[in-house]
Protein backbone atom coordinates (compact mmCIF):
# COMPACT_ATOMS: atom_id res chain seq x y z
CA UNK A 1 -0.03 0.01 -0.01
CA UNK A 2 1.46 3.35 -1.04
CA UNK A 3 -0.71 5.90 0.84
CA UNK A 4 0.89 6.40 4.29
CA UNK A 5 -1.15 9.13 5.96
CA UNK A 6 -3.42 12.13 5.75
CA UNK A 7 -0.74 14.77 5.08
CA UNK A 8 -2.63 18.03 5.00
CA UNK A 9 -5.98 19.76 4.32
CA UNK A 10 -6.66 23.01 2.49
CA UNK A 11 -9.73 24.98 3.45
CA UNK A 12 -11.15 27.80 1.36
CA UNK A 13 -12.87 30.50 3.39
CA UNK A 14 -13.89 34.16 3.42
CA UNK A 15 -13.08 34.06 7.21
CA UNK A 16 -9.34 33.46 7.12
CA UNK A 17 -8.71 35.87 10.02
CA UNK A 18 -11.25 33.93 12.19
CA UNK A 19 -9.58 30.65 11.23
CA UNK A 20 -6.17 32.02 12.23
CA UNK A 21 -7.48 33.11 15.63
CA UNK A 22 -9.27 29.70 16.13
CA UNK A 23 -6.37 27.57 15.01
CA UNK A 24 -3.69 29.50 16.95
CA UNK A 25 -5.14 30.95 20.15
CA UNK A 26 -7.84 28.32 20.75
CA UNK A 27 -6.36 25.10 19.42
CA UNK A 28 -2.67 25.78 19.90
CA UNK A 29 -1.45 25.43 16.32
CA UNK A 30 1.47 27.50 15.05
CA UNK A 31 0.45 30.10 12.45
CA UNK A 32 2.77 30.76 9.59
CA UNK A 33 3.11 34.04 7.59
CA UNK A 34 0.40 34.98 5.07
CA UNK A 35 1.40 34.64 1.42
CA UNK A 36 -0.77 35.50 -1.56
CA UNK A 37 -4.01 35.08 0.39
CA UNK A 38 -2.94 31.74 1.96
CA UNK A 39 -2.01 31.00 5.56
CA UNK A 40 -0.19 27.78 6.39
CA UNK A 41 -0.43 26.23 9.82
CA UNK A 42 1.99 23.91 11.56
CA UNK A 43 1.22 21.11 14.02
CA UNK A 44 4.70 19.53 14.07
CA UNK A 45 8.05 19.64 12.25
CA UNK A 46 6.40 19.70 8.81
CA UNK A 47 6.22 22.98 6.99
CA UNK A 48 2.39 22.86 7.24
CA UNK A 49 -0.48 20.56 7.97
CA UNK A 50 -3.37 22.95 7.26
CA UNK A 51 -3.86 25.75 4.79
CA UNK A 52 -6.50 28.48 4.84
CA UNK A 53 -6.96 30.21 1.48
CA UNK A 54 -9.14 33.19 0.60
CA UNK A 55 -12.37 32.41 -1.24
CA UNK A 56 -16.01 33.47 -1.43
CA UNK A 57 -17.34 30.11 -0.33
CA UNK A 58 -16.60 27.89 2.68
CA UNK A 59 -15.34 24.38 2.06
CA UNK A 60 -12.64 21.82 1.88
CA UNK A 61 -10.73 22.53 -1.28
CA UNK A 62 -7.97 19.88 -1.20
CA UNK A 63 -7.09 16.67 0.67
CA UNK A 64 -3.38 15.84 0.70
CA UNK A 65 -2.48 12.16 0.93
CA UNK A 66 1.16 11.38 1.65
CA UNK A 67 3.06 8.52 -0.06
CA UNK A 68 6.49 7.31 0.96
CA UNK A 69 8.58 8.14 -2.08
CA UNK A 70 8.68 8.66 -5.87
CA UNK A 71 7.97 4.95 -6.56
CA UNK A 72 4.93 5.18 -4.24
CA UNK A 73 3.60 8.19 -6.14
CA UNK A 74 4.08 6.38 -9.49
CA UNK A 75 2.21 3.35 -8.09
CA UNK A 76 -0.71 5.52 -6.97
CA UNK A 77 -0.83 7.33 -10.33
CA UNK A 78 -0.93 4.01 -12.17
CA UNK A 79 -3.82 2.72 -10.02
CA UNK A 80 -5.76 5.97 -10.40
CA UNK A 81 -5.42 5.96 -14.16
CA UNK A 82 -6.30 2.28 -14.28
CA UNK A 83 -9.51 3.14 -12.44
CA UNK A 84 -10.37 5.68 -15.14
CA UNK A 85 -9.47 8.88 -13.30
CA UNK A 86 -7.72 11.79 -14.96
CA UNK A 87 -4.44 12.47 -13.14
CA UNK A 88 -2.36 15.65 -13.45
CA UNK A 89 1.36 15.24 -12.89
CA UNK A 90 2.44 18.50 -11.43
CA UNK A 91 5.62 20.31 -12.49
CA UNK A 92 8.64 20.51 -10.29
CA UNK A 93 7.91 24.22 -9.79
CA UNK A 94 4.33 23.55 -8.60
CA UNK A 95 5.55 20.78 -6.30
CA UNK A 96 8.18 23.10 -4.81
CA UNK A 97 5.50 25.80 -4.26
CA UNK A 98 3.64 23.19 -2.19
CA UNK A 99 6.83 22.33 -0.23
CA UNK A 100 7.00 18.80 -1.67
CA UNK A 101 9.30 16.92 -4.01
CA UNK A 102 6.61 15.22 -6.09
CA UNK A 103 2.90 15.93 -6.57
CA UNK A 104 -0.02 14.59 -8.55
CA UNK A 105 -3.71 15.63 -8.53
CA UNK A 106 -7.06 14.09 -9.31
CA UNK A 107 -10.77 14.43 -8.52
CA UNK A 108 -12.60 11.39 -7.09
CA UNK A 109 -16.12 10.27 -7.92
CA UNK A 110 -17.48 12.16 -4.88
CA UNK A 111 -16.02 15.38 -6.30
CA UNK A 112 -13.20 15.88 -3.78
CA UNK A 113 -9.87 17.27 -5.01
CA UNK A 114 -7.10 14.88 -3.96
CA UNK A 115 -3.39 15.64 -3.87
CA UNK A 116 -0.86 12.79 -3.65
CA UNK A 117 2.68 13.84 -2.62
CA UNK A 118 5.95 12.76 -1.23
CA UNK A 119 8.99 14.53 0.22
CA UNK A 120 7.36 17.34 2.17
CA UNK A 121 9.65 19.87 3.66
CA UNK A 122 10.62 19.65 7.32
CA UNK A 123 11.18 22.99 9.06
CA UNK A 124 14.54 23.62 10.75
CA UNK A 125 12.68 25.84 13.24
CA UNK A 126 11.04 24.06 16.23
CA UNK A 127 7.26 23.78 16.44
CA UNK A 128 6.07 26.18 19.11
CA UNK A 129 2.45 26.06 20.21
CA UNK A 130 0.96 29.26 21.63
CA UNK A 131 -1.05 27.04 24.05
CA UNK A 132 1.68 24.42 24.80
CA UNK A 133 -0.19 21.82 22.73
CA UNK A 134 1.67 18.71 21.46
CA UNK A 135 0.00 17.09 18.47
CA UNK A 136 0.20 13.38 17.68
CA UNK A 137 1.26 13.22 14.09
CA UNK A 138 4.60 11.64 13.15
CA UNK A 139 4.06 8.79 10.60
CA UNK A 140 0.29 8.86 11.18
CA UNK A 141 -0.22 12.31 9.69
CA UNK A 142 -2.52 15.18 10.44
CA UNK A 143 -5.36 13.11 11.99
CA UNK A 144 -8.51 12.07 10.20
CA UNK A 145 -11.13 13.57 7.88
CA UNK A 146 -14.79 12.50 7.80
CA UNK A 147 -16.29 13.02 4.38
CA UNK A 148 -19.92 13.05 3.31
CA UNK A 149 -20.53 11.43 -0.11
CA UNK A 150 -23.55 10.76 -2.31
CA UNK A 151 -21.69 7.80 -3.96
CA UNK A 152 -20.94 5.86 -0.80
CA UNK A 153 -20.41 2.44 -2.41
CA UNK A 154 -18.07 3.76 -5.06
CA UNK A 155 -16.17 5.88 -2.54
CA UNK A 156 -15.71 2.85 -0.31
CA UNK A 157 -14.47 0.84 -3.25
CA UNK A 158 -12.11 3.65 -4.31
CA UNK A 159 -10.42 3.91 -0.93
CA UNK A 160 -10.14 0.19 -0.32
CA UNK A 161 -9.55 -1.29 -3.77
CA UNK A 162 -7.75 1.53 -5.52
CA UNK A 163 -5.86 3.24 -2.67
CA UNK A 164 -5.47 0.15 -0.45
CA UNK A 165 -7.06 1.45 2.74
CA UNK A 166 -8.32 -1.16 5.21
CA UNK A 167 -11.80 -1.19 6.72
CA UNK A 168 -11.67 -0.78 10.55
CA UNK A 169 -15.38 -0.93 11.31
CA UNK A 170 -18.77 0.38 10.31
CA UNK A 171 -21.76 2.25 11.85
CA UNK A 172 -25.26 3.28 10.98
CA UNK A 173 -26.46 6.78 11.78
CA UNK A 174 -30.19 6.50 11.07
CA UNK A 175 -30.47 5.53 7.41
CA UNK A 176 -26.88 6.54 6.61
CA UNK A 177 -23.98 4.13 6.45
CA UNK A 178 -20.55 5.06 7.83
CA UNK A 179 -17.25 3.36 7.06
CA UNK A 180 -14.02 3.96 9.01
CA UNK A 181 -10.80 3.39 7.00
CA UNK A 182 -7.17 3.21 7.95
CA UNK A 183 -3.85 3.43 6.11
CA UNK A 184 -1.55 3.26 9.14
CA UNK A 185 -2.03 2.23 12.81
CA UNK A 186 -4.42 5.15 13.51
CA UNK A 187 -7.93 3.60 13.69
CA UNK A 188 -9.03 5.74 10.75
CA UNK A 189 -7.49 8.44 8.58
CA UNK A 190 -10.73 8.89 6.66
CA UNK A 191 -14.36 7.97 7.29
CA UNK A 192 -17.13 8.06 4.72
CA UNK A 193 -20.76 9.01 5.50
CA UNK A 194 -23.57 8.27 3.06
CA UNK A 195 -25.20 11.62 2.39
CA UNK A 196 -27.17 13.44 -0.35
CA UNK A 197 -24.32 15.85 -1.13
CA UNK A 198 -20.60 15.80 -0.76
CA UNK A 199 -18.91 17.81 1.98
CA UNK A 200 -16.70 17.63 5.02
CA UNK A 201 -18.39 16.57 8.25
CA UNK A 202 -15.35 17.21 10.49
CA UNK A 203 -11.65 16.65 10.79
CA UNK A 204 -9.79 15.51 13.85
CA UNK A 205 -6.45 16.50 15.43
CA UNK A 206 -5.02 14.52 18.36
CA UNK A 207 -2.92 15.78 21.30
CA UNK A 208 -0.62 13.86 23.57
CA UNK A 209 -2.20 14.72 26.97
CA UNK A 210 -5.80 14.73 28.20
CA UNK A 211 -5.28 18.14 29.89
CA UNK A 212 -4.58 19.64 26.49
CA UNK A 213 -8.08 18.61 25.46
CA UNK A 214 -9.47 20.19 28.59
CA UNK A 215 -7.65 23.45 28.02
CA UNK A 216 -8.86 23.67 24.45
CA UNK A 217 -12.40 22.91 25.61
CA UNK A 218 -12.16 25.72 28.13
CA UNK A 219 -10.84 28.10 25.43
CA UNK A 220 -13.91 27.31 23.31
CA UNK A 221 -16.26 27.72 26.24
CA UNK A 222 -14.60 31.06 27.05
CA UNK A 223 -15.65 32.37 23.63
CA UNK A 224 -13.08 30.88 21.30
CA UNK A 225 -15.65 28.78 19.40
CA UNK A 226 -19.02 27.13 19.73
CA UNK A 227 -19.22 23.57 21.07
CA UNK A 228 -20.97 21.22 18.66
CA UNK A 229 -20.57 18.13 20.79
CA UNK A 230 -19.33 18.13 24.37
CA UNK A 231 -16.57 15.87 25.79
CA UNK A 232 -17.06 12.14 25.40
CA UNK A 233 -15.35 8.90 24.37
CA UNK A 234 -15.89 7.20 21.05
CA UNK A 235 -16.89 3.52 20.95
CA UNK A 236 -14.64 2.48 18.07
CA UNK A 237 -11.32 4.38 18.31
CA UNK A 238 -11.49 5.12 22.07
CA UNK A 239 -10.84 8.87 21.34
CA UNK A 240 -11.51 11.14 24.34
CA UNK A 241 -12.66 14.34 22.58
CA UNK A 242 -14.99 17.21 21.97
CA UNK A 243 -16.19 18.87 18.77
CA UNK A 244 -15.82 22.59 18.20
CA UNK A 245 -17.67 24.53 15.43
CA UNK A 246 -15.08 25.93 13.04
CA UNK A 247 -15.43 29.34 11.45
CA UNK A 248 -16.51 27.48 8.28
CA UNK A 249 -19.36 25.84 10.12
CA UNK A 250 -18.22 22.25 10.04
CA UNK A 251 -16.71 20.35 12.97
CA UNK A 252 -13.25 20.05 14.43
CA UNK A 253 -12.71 17.10 16.75
CA UNK A 254 -9.97 17.72 19.32
CA UNK A 255 -8.98 14.46 21.07
CA UNK A 256 -6.54 12.34 22.99
CA UNK A 257 -5.85 8.64 23.31
CA UNK A 258 -6.89 7.27 19.94
CA UNK A 259 -6.67 3.56 19.34
CA UNK A 260 -3.81 2.09 17.37
CA UNK A 261 -4.76 -0.96 15.30
CA UNK A 262 -2.68 -4.10 15.09
CA UNK A 263 -3.59 -5.54 11.67
CA UNK A 264 -2.68 -9.08 12.73
CA UNK A 265 -5.31 -9.03 15.49
CA UNK A 266 -8.04 -6.77 14.12
CA UNK A 267 -11.51 -7.96 13.29
CA UNK A 268 -14.08 -5.72 11.47
CA UNK A 269 -17.30 -5.10 13.38
CA UNK A 270 -20.29 -2.89 13.15
CA UNK A 271 -20.53 -0.68 16.26
CA UNK A 272 -23.97 -0.04 17.77
CA UNK A 273 -23.40 3.74 18.34
CA UNK A 274 -20.71 6.34 17.94
CA UNK A 275 -19.87 6.97 21.61
CA UNK A 276 -19.53 5.04 24.89
CA UNK A 277 -20.54 8.16 26.79
CA UNK A 278 -20.77 11.86 26.34
CA UNK A 279 -20.46 13.74 23.01
CA UNK A 280 -23.81 15.38 23.80
CA UNK A 281 -24.95 17.92 21.30
CA UNK A 282 -25.50 17.89 17.60
CA UNK A 283 -23.25 17.86 14.58
CA UNK A 284 -25.81 19.61 12.37
């Protein structure tokens, strides 16, 4: 399998200043300089994990999937093209502008813009959180993204059969099916929700200590952001977390203690509900 992790997300928004305040002073991420209407945000030694770019509409504009090397990128390109997708091989100049050595782009059947890259730049400057947060990334990437798709069956096939993700477990939310998919030990790097229209439901970042979750929760309660779902623990990945409402209106899960999957011992199940306790509120 060539896809290693969720590398980064790019969010288009007319509220970039609000996102900068939210990401930095509430969540504890390190804000980089503005450049040509784009702000890059660090969570670790990488040059960025999130991007906020100016635009008239709110939304997730790109999902960046990391592969290990040039051979891995070629393998992904071959599989994408074999599946009938149009793939753009980006120039060295465009890759360098994205702080990576190699880059290819496509659009999946749900309509999401996908980037595949390798060789992202590591900063020589230390990551410094304005709220003393320490994010769990390393080889597992940014965290996870939960995507709504009107072509659930094809999206599930794409991630498992084309990109090689493994199914961790499933869930039903009313009439909607949910599939949790992993590409590394993190329980899921992407989850798919059956929905009438495509969109991002939420994305998750993980921190190394439970008190960091509490401090971010307090910062939201003190006016930093609205709480969509209060503190709780999930039934499948054991994540202790809460959900904040981002400036774009979708959710941001801020958690600690996510389950790491051992492939040799894992069995796929359907969980009866999303949480063991808590997570009271609504994600709509």
